[in-house]
Amino acid sequence: MAKGWTLQSLMDGKMRLVAFCHNPKCHHNQALDLEAIKTKLGPDSPAMSDDLIPKLKCARCGGKQVGLTYTPDYDEMKRVDVNAFRKAREGR
């Protein structure tokens, strides 16, 4: 098994991947469609930034100087109320 994330592990972990352009005149950013990338590259393809960045270019300016941000996709995650003060106040 490869070290690091795979496309499938990002999807299973409900992660969001955003690409952003380093061109100071552009600064475009875009959430990547992990399902489409998985279909093109395969589910076990490495998803670390060093593996994906050479395959990307900015959709607006066409530049190859891009970066990636990996964050949990909070819209897809189950919300859990863990506010201790609220629980104590409501007597739970």
Protein backbone atom coordinates (compact mmCIF):
# COMPACT_ATOMS: atom_id res chain seq x y z
CA MET A 1 0.00 0.00 0.00
CA ALA A 2 1.26 3.46 -0.85
CA LYS A 3 2.16 5.93 1.84
CA GLY A 4 -0.08 8.96 2.22
CA TRP A 5 -3.55 9.64 0.96
CA THR A 6 -5.21 8.07 -2.03
CA LEU A 7 -8.15 9.57 -3.88
CA GLN A 8 -10.44 6.97 -2.34
CA SER A 9 -9.18 7.64 1.19
CA LEU A 10 -9.88 11.36 0.72
CA MET A 11 -13.42 10.56 -0.34
CA ASP A 12 -13.92 8.06 2.48
CA GLY A 13 -12.60 10.61 4.97
CA LYS A 14 -15.01 13.23 3.61
CA MET A 15 -12.19 15.58 2.69
CA ARG A 16 -12.41 18.58 0.40
CA LEU A 17 -9.61 19.47 -1.98
CA VAL A 18 -9.24 23.05 -3.23
CA ALA A 19 -6.72 24.12 -5.86
CA PHE A 20 -5.51 27.70 -5.91
CA CYS A 21 -3.44 29.66 -8.40
CA HIS A 22 -0.18 31.27 -7.25
CA ASN A 23 -0.22 33.83 -10.08
CA PRO A 24 -0.53 37.24 -8.33
CA LYS A 25 -2.70 38.56 -11.16
CA CYS A 26 -5.11 35.62 -10.96
CA HIS A 27 -5.49 34.07 -7.48
CA HIS A 28 -8.26 31.82 -8.78
CA ASN A 29 -9.34 28.93 -6.56
CA GLN A 30 -11.64 26.02 -7.21
CA ALA A 31 -12.89 22.99 -5.31
CA LEU A 32 -11.83 19.86 -7.17
CA ASP A 33 -14.28 17.14 -8.13
CA LEU A 34 -12.72 14.11 -6.44
CA GLU A 35 -15.14 11.72 -8.13
CA ALA A 36 -14.08 12.90 -11.60
CA ILE A 37 -10.38 12.73 -10.69
CA LYS A 38 -10.88 9.24 -9.25
CA THR A 39 -12.56 8.13 -12.48
CA LYS A 40 -9.65 9.49 -14.54
CA LEU A 41 -6.72 8.35 -12.37
CA GLY A 42 -8.16 5.42 -10.40
CA PRO A 43 -9.19 5.11 -6.74
CA ASP A 44 -5.78 3.97 -5.51
CA SER A 45 -3.90 6.83 -7.15
CA PRO A 46 -1.84 8.86 -4.69
CA ALA A 47 -3.51 12.12 -3.69
CA MET A 48 -0.62 13.90 -2.02
CA SER A 49 0.11 17.40 -3.31
CA ASP A 50 3.43 16.32 -4.87
CA ASP A 51 1.52 13.75 -6.92
CA LEU A 52 -1.40 15.93 -8.02
CA ILE A 53 0.12 19.39 -8.58
CA PRO A 54 2.09 18.38 -11.73
CA LYS A 55 -1.21 17.25 -13.27
CA LEU A 56 -3.04 20.54 -12.58
CA LYS A 57 -3.23 23.95 -14.20
CA CYS A 58 -5.31 27.01 -13.42
CA ALA A 59 -8.70 26.97 -15.15
CA ARG A 60 -8.67 30.75 -15.49
CA CYS A 61 -5.14 31.76 -16.55
CA GLY A 62 -3.70 28.36 -17.53
CA GLY A 63 -0.75 28.76 -15.16
CA LYS A 64 1.01 25.71 -13.75
CA GLN A 65 1.93 27.33 -10.42
CA VAL A 66 -0.87 25.94 -8.29
CA GLY A 67 -1.25 24.78 -4.72
CA LEU A 68 -3.67 22.52 -2.88
CA THR A 69 -5.54 22.82 0.39
CA TYR A 70 -6.94 19.73 2.11
CA THR A 71 -9.79 20.37 4.55
CA PRO A 72 -12.60 18.29 6.04
CA ASP A 73 -15.83 18.78 4.09
CA TYR A 74 -18.00 19.94 6.96
CA ASP A 75 -21.08 19.99 4.73
CA GLU A 76 -20.75 16.21 4.31
CA MET A 77 -19.87 15.40 7.92
CA LYS A 78 -22.39 14.55 10.60
CA ARG A 79 -22.81 17.43 13.03
CA VAL A 80 -22.20 16.61 16.69
CA ASP A 81 -23.15 19.04 19.44
CA VAL A 82 -20.26 18.94 21.89
CA ASN A 83 -20.82 22.24 23.68
CA ALA A 84 -20.30 21.27 27.34
CA PHE A 85 -21.80 24.51 28.65
CA ARG A 86 -25.00 23.98 26.69
CA LYS A 87 -25.30 20.38 27.90
CA ALA A 88 -24.84 21.46 31.52
CA ARG A 89 -27.34 24.30 31.21
CA GLU A 90 -29.99 22.03 29.71
CA GLY A 91 -29.33 19.33 32.31
CA ARG A 92 -28.16 16.64 29.93
